[in-house]
Amino acid sequence: MALCAAVYRGLTITITLATRGRRGVGPSRGDESAGGSQALAQQAQKQTGVPLPPPPPPVDYGALMQGLAPAHEAVFGGVPMMERFRRMTPPFFKGESDPILAKSWLRETRKIFRAIRCVEEERVTLATYMLQERTDVCLSSILHTQFGDGAMEVAWVEFVHLFKVNYIPEHMQDHMEHEFLTLTQGSLSVLEYEARFTKLSKDAPHIVADEWRKVKKLIMGLKPSLRMTLVALGHRSMEEALSVACLQEAEMEVYKEEKRASLKRPTSAFQMQDRKKKAPAF
């Protein structure tokens, strides 16, 4: 209690002296605050006799940011974005007239951007780096015409739009979507049909928006003999549907092979005699 009272008296005296001020020019707010804090600390130390800990050193924010930089580089291995992009072996695009190739290039490029965590601001620069021959000239000219000197600062969304307009026109997208809608197994094997189905489904993602719709569309395109079995079982996943379809197809092939083999077997002597007995007499 005596110690607390002494500290209280010391603080009261210091605050009273600080509020009186000095004649002439008064101290600035910063000097007054620093001086007041120092005086309070010294007065409290004299009254209590307990040494106070030294004040903490000032924070060097420049050194702090420099210390954070290596940590940020360590996350990405200290490799520049362009080098990380090239290490993923991105595909080139030469302006092929096949819209499927254009969509494939765009899809693979987006996949790499997600993998290396590429920000939107750097995507156009990296994507145009992979354009070759007439595509490079064509898109560079279009970007410069529409955006002038800021062509390389165009938003990624704008670049994708221009790319689709020139290499994946709307009428071609409609054609690819129609091709997927009318796809059937025909003379293809189940695995060949599934590969074609997967490739074309990327052109119409809204039609197979979830697993159930995707399975339903796959089953309805199978041969009738396979489709009946899968519809009756009601599979809910692509893996299950494909597994059953492949097994059913294999069993049907075995049955057909056995049937063909039985037709090729030579007729026995007993069967020949039986046929002679049944032959009509003239």
C-alpha atoms as a PDB file:
ATOM      1  CA  MET A   1       0.000   0.000   0.000  1.00  0.00           C
ATOM      2  CA  ALA A   2       2.835   2.408   0.843  1.00  0.00           C
ATOM      3  CA  LEU A   3       4.473   1.671  -2.493  1.00  0.00           C
ATOM      4  CA  CYS A   4       1.257   2.396  -4.398  1.00  0.00           C
ATOM      5  CA  ALA A   5       0.751   5.634  -2.451  1.00  0.00           C
ATOM      6  CA  ALA A   6       4.276   6.776  -3.260  1.00  0.00           C
ATOM      7  CA  VAL A   7       3.804   6.092  -6.948  1.00  0.00           C
ATOM      8  CA  TYR A   8       0.492   7.924  -6.901  1.00  0.00           C
ATOM      9  CA  ARG A   9       2.047  11.005  -5.181  1.00  0.00           C
ATOM     10  CA  GLY A  10       4.894  11.011  -7.681  1.00  0.00           C
ATOM     11  CA  LEU A  11       2.563  10.846 -10.632  1.00  0.00           C
ATOM     12  CA  THR A  12       0.408  13.637  -9.207  1.00  0.00           C
ATOM     13  CA  ILE A  13       3.392  15.962  -8.752  1.00  0.00           C
ATOM     14  CA  THR A  14       4.697  15.256 -12.244  1.00  0.00           C
ATOM     15  CA  ILE A  15       1.330  15.843 -13.915  1.00  0.00           C
ATOM     16  CA  THR A  16       0.873  19.120 -11.989  1.00  0.00           C
ATOM     17  CA  LEU A  17       4.285  20.416 -13.108  1.00  0.00           C
ATOM     18  CA  ALA A  18       3.634  19.361 -16.683  1.00  0.00           C
ATOM     19  CA  THR A  19       0.327  21.228 -16.835  1.00  0.00           C
ATOM     20  CA  ARG A  20       1.868  24.509 -15.598  1.00  0.00           C
ATOM     21  CA  GLY A  21       4.186  24.706 -18.614  1.00  0.00           C
ATOM     22  CA  ARG A  22       6.948  27.232 -19.113  1.00  0.00           C
ATOM     23  CA  ARG A  23       6.946  30.868 -20.113  1.00  0.00           C
ATOM     24  CA  GLY A  24       7.705  31.666 -23.733  1.00  0.00           C
ATOM     25  CA  VAL A  25       7.259  29.273 -26.584  1.00  0.00           C
ATOM     26  CA  GLY A  26       5.507  26.111 -25.446  1.00  0.00           C
ATOM     27  CA  PRO A  27       6.796  22.682 -26.363  1.00  0.00           C
ATOM     28  CA  SER A  28       5.436  20.851 -29.354  1.00  0.00           C
ATOM     29  CA  ARG A  29       3.007  18.013 -28.889  1.00  0.00           C
ATOM     30  CA  GLY A  30       5.614  15.421 -29.738  1.00  0.00           C
ATOM     31  CA  ASP A  31       8.219  16.872 -27.361  1.00  0.00           C
ATOM     32  CA  GLU A  32       5.611  17.339 -24.642  1.00  0.00           C
ATOM     33  CA  SER A  33       4.412  13.760 -24.960  1.00  0.00           C
ATOM     34  CA  ALA A  34       7.909  12.304 -24.998  1.00  0.00           C
ATOM     35  CA  GLY A  35       9.105  14.530 -22.163  1.00  0.00           C
ATOM     36  CA  GLY A  36       6.032  13.826 -20.071  1.00  0.00           C
ATOM     37  CA  SER A  37       6.427  10.094 -20.462  1.00  0.00           C
ATOM     38  CA  GLN A  38      10.108  10.246 -19.565  1.00  0.00           C
ATOM     39  CA  ALA A  39       9.430  12.454 -16.531  1.00  0.00           C
ATOM     40  CA  LEU A  40       6.708  10.114 -15.308  1.00  0.00           C
ATOM     41  CA  ALA A  41       9.021   7.135 -15.623  1.00  0.00           C
ATOM     42  CA  GLN A  42      11.868   8.886 -13.788  1.00  0.00           C
ATOM     43  CA  GLN A  43       9.594  10.131 -11.002  1.00  0.00           C
ATOM     44  CA  ALA A  44       8.088   6.686 -10.510  1.00  0.00           C
ATOM     45  CA  GLN A  45      11.551   5.138 -10.350  1.00  0.00           C
ATOM     46  CA  LYS A  46      12.699   7.660  -7.695  1.00  0.00           C
ATOM     47  CA  GLN A  47       9.627   7.110  -5.549  1.00  0.00           C
ATOM     48  CA  THR A  48       9.620   3.310  -5.725  1.00  0.00           C
ATOM     49  CA  GLY A  49      13.303   2.540  -6.113  1.00  0.00           C
ATOM     50  CA  VAL A  50      12.426  -0.144  -8.660  1.00  0.00           C
ATOM     51  CA  PRO A  51      14.477   0.105 -11.885  1.00  0.00           C
ATOM     52  CA  LEU A  52      12.392   0.335 -15.021  1.00  0.00           C
ATOM     53  CA  PRO A  53      13.141  -1.773 -18.126  1.00  0.00           C
ATOM     54  CA  PRO A  54      14.730   0.043 -21.062  1.00  0.00           C
ATOM     55  CA  PRO A  55      12.350   1.285 -23.767  1.00  0.00           C
ATOM     56  CA  PRO A  56      11.923  -0.957 -26.829  1.00  0.00           C
ATOM     57  CA  PRO A  57      14.013  -0.041 -29.862  1.00  0.00           C
ATOM     58  CA  PRO A  58      12.235   1.789 -32.700  1.00  0.00           C
ATOM     59  CA  VAL A  59      10.783  -0.403 -35.441  1.00  0.00           C
ATOM     60  CA  ASP A  60      12.673  -0.252 -38.732  1.00  0.00           C
ATOM     61  CA  TYR A  61       9.863  -0.857 -41.203  1.00  0.00           C
ATOM     62  CA  GLY A  62      12.264  -0.889 -44.141  1.00  0.00           C
ATOM     63  CA  ALA A  63      14.225  -3.743 -42.632  1.00  0.00           C
ATOM     64  CA  LEU A  64      10.952  -5.490 -41.796  1.00  0.00           C
ATOM     65  CA  MET A  65       9.795  -5.443 -45.420  1.00  0.00           C
ATOM     66  CA  GLN A  66      13.197  -6.642 -46.589  1.00  0.00           C
ATOM     67  CA  GLY A  67      12.906  -9.544 -44.193  1.00  0.00           C
ATOM     68  CA  LEU A  68       9.493 -10.478 -45.578  1.00  0.00           C
ATOM     69  CA  ALA A  69      10.719 -10.504 -49.176  1.00  0.00           C
ATOM     70  CA  PRO A  70      12.786 -13.728 -48.844  1.00  0.00           C
ATOM     71  CA  ALA A  71       9.815 -15.427 -47.202  1.00  0.00           C
ATOM     72  CA  HIS A  72       7.591 -14.469 -50.150  1.00  0.00           C
ATOM     73  CA  GLU A  73      10.192 -15.709 -52.615  1.00  0.00           C
ATOM     74  CA  ALA A  74      10.563 -18.961 -50.683  1.00  0.00           C
ATOM     75  CA  VAL A  75       6.885 -19.740 -51.265  1.00  0.00           C
ATOM     76  CA  PHE A  76       7.441 -19.672 -55.030  1.00  0.00           C
ATOM     77  CA  GLY A  77      11.076 -20.759 -54.957  1.00  0.00           C
ATOM     78  CA  GLY A  78      12.323 -17.284 -55.830  1.00  0.00           C
ATOM     79  CA  VAL A  79      11.529 -17.961 -59.507  1.00  0.00           C
ATOM     80  CA  PRO A  80      10.112 -15.169 -61.704  1.00  0.00           C
ATOM     81  CA  MET A  81       6.601 -15.649 -63.043  1.00  0.00           C
ATOM     82  CA  MET A  82       7.743 -16.022 -66.652  1.00  0.00           C
ATOM     83  CA  GLU A  83      10.177 -18.776 -65.698  1.00  0.00           C
ATOM     84  CA  ARG A  84       7.529 -20.622 -63.672  1.00  0.00           C
ATOM     85  CA  PHE A  85       5.215 -20.365 -66.660  1.00  0.00           C
ATOM     86  CA  ARG A  86       7.810 -21.755 -69.088  1.00  0.00           C
ATOM     87  CA  ARG A  87       8.645 -24.657 -66.776  1.00  0.00           C
ATOM     88  CA  MET A  88       5.063 -25.873 -67.130  1.00  0.00           C
ATOM     89  CA  THR A  89       5.712 -26.337 -70.892  1.00  0.00           C
ATOM     90  CA  PRO A  90       2.677 -24.353 -72.056  1.00  0.00           C
ATOM     91  CA  PRO A  91       1.367 -25.162 -75.549  1.00  0.00           C
ATOM     92  CA  PHE A  92       1.944 -22.885 -78.524  1.00  0.00           C
ATOM     93  CA  PHE A  93      -0.893 -21.690 -80.730  1.00  0.00           C
ATOM     94  CA  LYS A  94      -0.274 -20.986 -84.418  1.00  0.00           C
ATOM     95  CA  GLY A  95      -3.756 -19.941 -85.451  1.00  0.00           C
ATOM     96  CA  GLU A  96      -5.111 -23.286 -86.618  1.00  0.00           C
ATOM     97  CA  SER A  97      -8.587 -23.090 -88.116  1.00  0.00           C
ATOM     98  CA  ASP A  98      -9.832 -25.955 -85.949  1.00  0.00           C
ATOM     99  CA  PRO A  99     -11.805 -24.375 -83.068  1.00  0.00           C
ATOM    100  CA  ILE A 100     -11.239 -27.494 -80.973  1.00  0.00           C
ATOM    101  CA  LEU A 101      -7.495 -26.796 -80.990  1.00  0.00           C
ATOM    102  CA  ALA A 102      -8.146 -23.173 -80.044  1.00  0.00           C
ATOM    103  CA  LYS A 103     -10.342 -24.192 -77.131  1.00  0.00           C
ATOM    104  CA  SER A 104      -7.786 -26.760 -76.043  1.00  0.00           C
ATOM    105  CA  TRP A 105      -5.014 -24.136 -76.053  1.00  0.00           C
ATOM    106  CA  LEU A 106      -7.107 -21.718 -74.015  1.00  0.00           C
ATOM    107  CA  ARG A 107      -8.114 -24.418 -71.544  1.00  0.00           C
ATOM    108  CA  GLU A 108      -4.534 -25.637 -71.018  1.00  0.00           C
ATOM    109  CA  THR A 109      -3.233 -22.084 -70.611  1.00  0.00           C
ATOM    110  CA  ARG A 110      -5.839 -21.350 -67.954  1.00  0.00           C
ATOM    111  CA  LYS A 111      -4.920 -24.554 -66.157  1.00  0.00           C
ATOM    112  CA  ILE A 112      -1.267 -23.482 -65.984  1.00  0.00           C
ATOM    113  CA  PHE A 113      -2.216 -20.026 -64.696  1.00  0.00           C
ATOM    114  CA  ARG A 114      -4.114 -21.637 -61.833  1.00  0.00           C
ATOM    115  CA  ALA A 115      -1.220 -23.970 -61.048  1.00  0.00           C
ATOM    116  CA  ILE A 116       1.389 -21.200 -60.807  1.00  0.00           C
ATOM    117  CA  ARG A 117      -1.044 -18.746 -59.158  1.00  0.00           C
ATOM    118  CA  CYS A 118      -0.594 -16.190 -61.899  1.00  0.00           C
ATOM    119  CA  VAL A 119      -2.367 -12.898 -61.205  1.00  0.00           C
ATOM    120  CA  GLU A 120      -4.734 -11.376 -63.762  1.00  0.00           C
ATOM    121  CA  GLU A 121      -2.351  -8.512 -64.552  1.00  0.00           C
ATOM    122  CA  GLU A 122       0.340 -10.858 -65.917  1.00  0.00           C
ATOM    123  CA  ARG A 123      -1.781 -13.333 -67.860  1.00  0.00           C
ATOM    124  CA  VAL A 124      -2.023 -11.423 -71.143  1.00  0.00           C
ATOM    125  CA  THR A 125       1.748 -10.995 -71.339  1.00  0.00           C
ATOM    126  CA  LEU A 126       2.339 -14.703 -70.732  1.00  0.00           C
ATOM    127  CA  ALA A 127      -0.422 -15.853 -73.074  1.00  0.00           C
ATOM    128  CA  THR A 128       0.734 -13.692 -75.997  1.00  0.00           C
ATOM    129  CA  TYR A 129       4.231 -15.092 -75.505  1.00  0.00           C
ATOM    130  CA  MET A 130       2.887 -18.488 -76.648  1.00  0.00           C
ATOM    131  CA  LEU A 131       1.265 -17.157 -79.845  1.00  0.00           C
ATOM    132  CA  GLN A 132       3.173 -17.908 -83.029  1.00  0.00           C
ATOM    133  CA  GLU A 133       3.162 -17.061 -86.719  1.00  0.00           C
ATOM    134  CA  ARG A 134      -0.025 -15.430 -88.011  1.00  0.00           C
ATOM    135  CA  THR A 135      -1.780 -15.613 -84.651  1.00  0.00           C
ATOM    136  CA  ASP A 136       0.875 -13.475 -83.040  1.00  0.00           C
ATOM    137  CA  VAL A 137       0.633 -10.874 -85.808  1.00  0.00           C
ATOM    138  CA  CYS A 138      -3.162 -10.926 -85.945  1.00  0.00           C
ATOM    139  CA  LEU A 139      -3.891 -10.600 -82.232  1.00  0.00           C
ATOM    140  CA  SER A 140      -1.087  -8.084 -81.701  1.00  0.00           C
ATOM    141  CA  SER A 141      -2.587  -5.917 -84.437  1.00  0.00           C
ATOM    142  CA  ILE A 142      -6.094  -6.201 -82.979  1.00  0.00           C
ATOM    143  CA  LEU A 143      -4.917  -5.381 -79.464  1.00  0.00           C
ATOM    144  CA  HIS A 144      -2.919  -2.386 -80.683  1.00  0.00           C
ATOM    145  CA  THR A 145      -5.854  -1.119 -82.766  1.00  0.00           C
ATOM    146  CA  GLN A 146      -8.333  -1.303 -79.894  1.00  0.00           C
ATOM    147  CA  PHE A 147      -6.125  -0.405 -76.928  1.00  0.00           C
ATOM    148  CA  GLY A 148      -3.177   1.504 -78.431  1.00  0.00           C
ATOM    149  CA  ASP A 149      -0.059   1.680 -76.285  1.00  0.00           C
ATOM    150  CA  GLY A 150      -1.885  -0.064 -73.427  1.00  0.00           C
ATOM    151  CA  ALA A 151      -2.356  -3.274 -75.411  1.00  0.00           C
ATOM    152  CA  MET A 152      -0.279  -5.326 -72.981  1.00  0.00           C
ATOM    153  CA  GLU A 153      -2.219  -3.921 -70.041  1.00  0.00           C
ATOM    154  CA  VAL A 154      -5.564  -5.105 -71.365  1.00  0.00           C
ATOM    155  CA  ALA A 155      -7.612  -7.197 -68.953  1.00  0.00           C
ATOM    156  CA  TRP A 156      -7.442 -10.964 -69.285  1.00  0.00           C
ATOM    157  CA  VAL A 157     -11.213 -11.102 -69.815  1.00  0.00           C
ATOM    158  CA  GLU A 158     -10.898  -8.801 -72.838  1.00  0.00           C
ATOM    159  CA  PHE A 159      -8.106 -10.913 -74.292  1.00  0.00           C
ATOM    160  CA  VAL A 160     -10.153 -14.113 -73.943  1.00  0.00           C
ATOM    161  CA  HIS A 161     -13.114 -12.414 -75.632  1.00  0.00           C
ATOM    162  CA  LEU A 162     -11.002 -11.293 -78.614  1.00  0.00           C
ATOM    163  CA  PHE A 163      -9.405 -14.728 -78.878  1.00  0.00           C
ATOM    164  CA  LYS A 164     -12.783 -16.476 -78.985  1.00  0.00           C
ATOM    165  CA  VAL A 165     -14.207 -14.038 -81.533  1.00  0.00           C
ATOM    166  CA  ASN A 166     -11.319 -14.706 -83.919  1.00  0.00           C
ATOM    167  CA  TYR A 167     -10.648 -18.415 -83.370  1.00  0.00           C
ATOM    168  CA  ILE A 168     -13.769 -19.865 -81.737  1.00  0.00           C
ATOM    169  CA  PRO A 169     -16.638 -17.997 -83.442  1.00  0.00           C
ATOM    170  CA  GLU A 170     -20.149 -18.414 -82.134  1.00  0.00           C
ATOM    171  CA  HIS A 171     -21.432 -20.438 -85.093  1.00  0.00           C
ATOM    172  CA  MET A 172     -18.603 -22.931 -84.591  1.00  0.00           C
ATOM    173  CA  GLN A 173     -19.415 -23.218 -80.905  1.00  0.00           C
ATOM    174  CA  ASP A 174     -23.034 -23.939 -81.842  1.00  0.00           C
ATOM    175  CA  HIS A 175     -21.859 -26.615 -84.281  1.00  0.00           C
ATOM    176  CA  MET A 176     -19.689 -28.318 -81.653  1.00  0.00           C
ATOM    177  CA  GLU A 177     -22.523 -28.192 -79.138  1.00  0.00           C
ATOM    178  CA  HIS A 178     -24.894 -29.772 -81.663  1.00  0.00           C
ATOM    179  CA  GLU A 179     -22.322 -32.482 -82.362  1.00  0.00           C
ATOM    180  CA  PHE A 180     -22.256 -33.348 -78.676  1.00  0.00           C
ATOM    181  CA  LEU A 181     -26.034 -33.339 -78.378  1.00  0.00           C
ATOM    182  CA  THR A 182     -26.386 -35.827 -81.250  1.00  0.00           C
ATOM    183  CA  LEU A 183     -23.444 -38.044 -80.249  1.00  0.00           C
ATOM    184  CA  THR A 184     -24.162 -41.789 -80.091  1.00  0.00           C
ATOM    185  CA  GLN A 185     -21.959 -44.849 -79.732  1.00  0.00           C
ATOM    186  CA  GLY A 186     -22.649 -46.260 -83.182  1.00  0.00           C
ATOM    187  CA  SER A 187     -19.844 -48.609 -84.236  1.00  0.00           C
ATOM    188  CA  LEU A 188     -17.463 -47.329 -81.553  1.00  0.00           C
ATOM    189  CA  SER A 189     -16.445 -49.383 -78.548  1.00  0.00           C
ATOM    190  CA  VAL A 190     -17.518 -48.193 -75.112  1.00  0.00           C
ATOM    191  CA  LEU A 191     -14.087 -46.745 -74.362  1.00  0.00           C
ATOM    192  CA  GLU A 192     -13.879 -45.017 -77.756  1.00  0.00           C
ATOM    193  CA  TYR A 193     -17.354 -43.590 -77.249  1.00  0.00           C
ATOM    194  CA  GLU A 194     -16.451 -42.363 -73.756  1.00  0.00           C
ATOM    195  CA  ALA A 195     -13.312 -40.632 -75.082  1.00  0.00           C
ATOM    196  CA  ARG A 196     -15.332 -38.861 -77.770  1.00  0.00           C
ATOM    197  CA  PHE A 197     -18.009 -37.995 -75.221  1.00  0.00           C
ATOM    198  CA  THR A 198     -15.485 -36.453 -72.824  1.00  0.00           C
ATOM    199  CA  LYS A 199     -13.856 -34.396 -75.572  1.00  0.00           C
ATOM    200  CA  LEU A 200     -17.103 -32.962 -76.938  1.00  0.00           C
ATOM    201  CA  SER A 201     -18.626 -32.372 -73.498  1.00  0.00           C
ATOM    202  CA  LYS A 202     -16.074 -29.603 -72.937  1.00  0.00           C
ATOM    203  CA  ASP A 203     -17.818 -27.628 -75.681  1.00  0.00           C
ATOM    204  CA  ALA A 204     -21.169 -27.833 -73.886  1.00  0.00           C
ATOM    205  CA  PRO A 205     -20.498 -27.713 -70.133  1.00  0.00           C
ATOM    206  CA  HIS A 206     -23.998 -26.424 -69.367  1.00  0.00           C
ATOM    207  CA  ILE A 207     -25.516 -29.653 -70.691  1.00  0.00           C
ATOM    208  CA  VAL A 208     -23.491 -31.802 -68.289  1.00  0.00           C
ATOM    209  CA  ALA A 209     -23.417 -29.349 -65.397  1.00  0.00           C
ATOM    210  CA  ASP A 210     -23.446 -32.108 -62.766  1.00  0.00           C
ATOM    211  CA  GLU A 211     -22.526 -35.790 -62.506  1.00  0.00           C
ATOM    212  CA  TRP A 212     -26.101 -37.048 -62.793  1.00  0.00           C
ATOM    213  CA  ARG A 213     -26.755 -35.234 -66.083  1.00  0.00           C
ATOM    214  CA  LYS A 214     -23.402 -36.339 -67.440  1.00  0.00           C
ATOM    215  CA  VAL A 215     -24.127 -40.012 -66.682  1.00  0.00           C
ATOM    216  CA  LYS A 216     -27.613 -39.744 -68.152  1.00  0.00           C
ATOM    217  CA  LYS A 217     -26.329 -38.229 -71.404  1.00  0.00           C
ATOM    218  CA  LEU A 218     -23.627 -40.909 -71.687  1.00  0.00           C
ATOM    219  CA  ILE A 219     -26.067 -43.779 -71.142  1.00  0.00           C
ATOM    220  CA  MET A 220     -28.632 -42.459 -73.612  1.00  0.00           C
ATOM    221  CA  GLY A 221     -25.995 -42.471 -76.356  1.00  0.00           C
ATOM    222  CA  LEU A 222     -25.025 -46.127 -75.870  1.00  0.00           C
ATOM    223  CA  LYS A 223     -26.189 -48.967 -78.084  1.00  0.00           C
ATOM    224  CA  PRO A 224     -29.739 -50.107 -77.219  1.00  0.00           C
ATOM    225  CA  SER A 225     -28.538 -53.475 -75.887  1.00  0.00           C
ATOM    226  CA  LEU A 226     -26.191 -51.726 -73.433  1.00  0.00           C
ATOM    227  CA  ARG A 227     -28.488 -48.832 -72.673  1.00  0.00           C
ATOM    228  CA  MET A 228     -31.323 -51.061 -71.433  1.00  0.00           C
ATOM    229  CA  THR A 229     -29.088 -52.692 -68.818  1.00  0.00           C
ATOM    230  CA  LEU A 230     -27.661 -49.435 -67.499  1.00  0.00           C
ATOM    231  CA  VAL A 231     -31.022 -47.664 -67.380  1.00  0.00           C
ATOM    232  CA  ALA A 232     -32.450 -50.524 -65.326  1.00  0.00           C
ATOM    233  CA  LEU A 233     -29.564 -50.376 -62.846  1.00  0.00           C
ATOM    234  CA  GLY A 234     -29.733 -46.587 -62.494  1.00  0.00           C
ATOM    235  CA  HIS A 235     -26.057 -45.698 -62.036  1.00  0.00           C
ATOM    236  CA  ARG A 236     -25.207 -42.312 -60.560  1.00  0.00           C
ATOM    237  CA  SER A 237     -21.505 -41.994 -61.370  1.00  0.00           C
ATOM    238  CA  MET A 238     -19.498 -42.118 -64.592  1.00  0.00           C
ATOM    239  CA  GLU A 239     -17.122 -44.688 -63.133  1.00  0.00           C
ATOM    240  CA  GLU A 240     -19.903 -47.138 -62.304  1.00  0.00           C
ATOM    241  CA  ALA A 241     -21.696 -46.636 -65.617  1.00  0.00           C
ATOM    242  CA  LEU A 242     -18.530 -47.173 -67.651  1.00  0.00           C
ATOM    243  CA  SER A 243     -17.550 -50.231 -65.643  1.00  0.00           C
ATOM    244  CA  VAL A 244     -20.912 -51.930 -66.182  1.00  0.00           C
ATOM    245  CA  ALA A 245     -21.032 -50.923 -69.861  1.00  0.00           C
ATOM    246  CA  CYS A 246     -17.567 -52.367 -70.505  1.00  0.00           C
ATOM    247  CA  LEU A 247     -18.426 -55.635 -68.738  1.00  0.00           C
ATOM    248  CA  GLN A 248     -21.693 -55.930 -70.650  1.00  0.00           C
ATOM    249  CA  GLU A 249     -19.910 -55.221 -73.916  1.00  0.00           C
ATOM    250  CA  ALA A 250     -17.271 -57.876 -73.167  1.00  0.00           C
ATOM    251  CA  GLU A 251     -19.947 -60.489 -72.391  1.00  0.00           C
ATOM    252  CA  MET A 252     -21.757 -59.700 -75.626  1.00  0.00           C
ATOM    253  CA  GLU A 253     -18.535 -60.104 -77.609  1.00  0.00           C
ATOM    254  CA  VAL A 254     -17.905 -63.490 -75.978  1.00  0.00           C
ATOM    255  CA  TYR A 255     -21.441 -64.600 -76.850  1.00  0.00           C
ATOM    256  CA  LYS A 256     -21.043 -63.496 -80.473  1.00  0.00           C
ATOM    257  CA  GLU A 257     -17.706 -65.266 -80.760  1.00  0.00           C
ATOM    258  CA  GLU A 258     -19.151 -68.515 -79.393  1.00  0.00           C
ATOM    259  CA  LYS A 259     -22.061 -68.267 -81.782  1.00  0.00           C
ATOM    260  CA  ARG A 260     -19.773 -67.748 -84.769  1.00  0.00           C
ATOM    261  CA  ALA A 261     -17.628 -70.681 -83.673  1.00  0.00           C
ATOM    262  CA  SER A 262     -20.641 -72.975 -83.382  1.00  0.00           C
ATOM    263  CA  LEU A 263     -21.732 -72.165 -86.937  1.00  0.00           C
ATOM    264  CA  LYS A 264     -18.302 -73.102 -88.267  1.00  0.00           C
ATOM    265  CA  ARG A 265     -18.220 -76.572 -86.636  1.00  0.00           C
ATOM    266  CA  PRO A 266     -18.325 -79.540 -89.142  1.00  0.00           C
ATOM    267  CA  THR A 267     -21.513 -81.625 -89.229  1.00  0.00           C
ATOM    268  CA  SER A 268     -21.142 -85.063 -87.563  1.00  0.00           C
ATOM    269  CA  ALA A 269     -21.836 -88.392 -89.391  1.00  0.00           C
ATOM    270  CA  PHE A 270     -24.843 -89.035 -87.167  1.00  0.00           C
ATOM    271  CA  GLN A 271     -26.371 -85.722 -88.185  1.00  0.00           C
ATOM    272  CA  MET A 272     -25.729 -86.511 -91.874  1.00  0.00           C
ATOM    273  CA  GLN A 273     -27.518 -89.893 -91.622  1.00  0.00           C
ATOM    274  CA  ASP A 274     -30.419 -88.291 -89.827  1.00  0.00           C
ATOM    275  CA  ARG A 275     -30.751 -85.719 -92.593  1.00  0.00           C
ATOM    276  CA  LYS A 276     -30.734 -88.484 -95.254  1.00  0.00           C
ATOM    277  CA  LYS A 277     -33.585 -90.304 -93.517  1.00  0.00           C
ATOM    278  CA  LYS A 278     -35.620 -87.139 -93.442  1.00  0.00           C
ATOM    279  CA  ALA A 279     -34.907 -86.327 -97.075  1.00  0.00           C
ATOM    280  CA  PRO A 280     -38.053 -86.606 -99.265  1.00  0.00           C
ATOM    281  CA  ALA A 281     -38.235 -89.494-101.796  1.00  0.00           C
ATOM    282  CA  PHE A 282     -38.907 -88.749-105.456  1.00  0.00           C
END
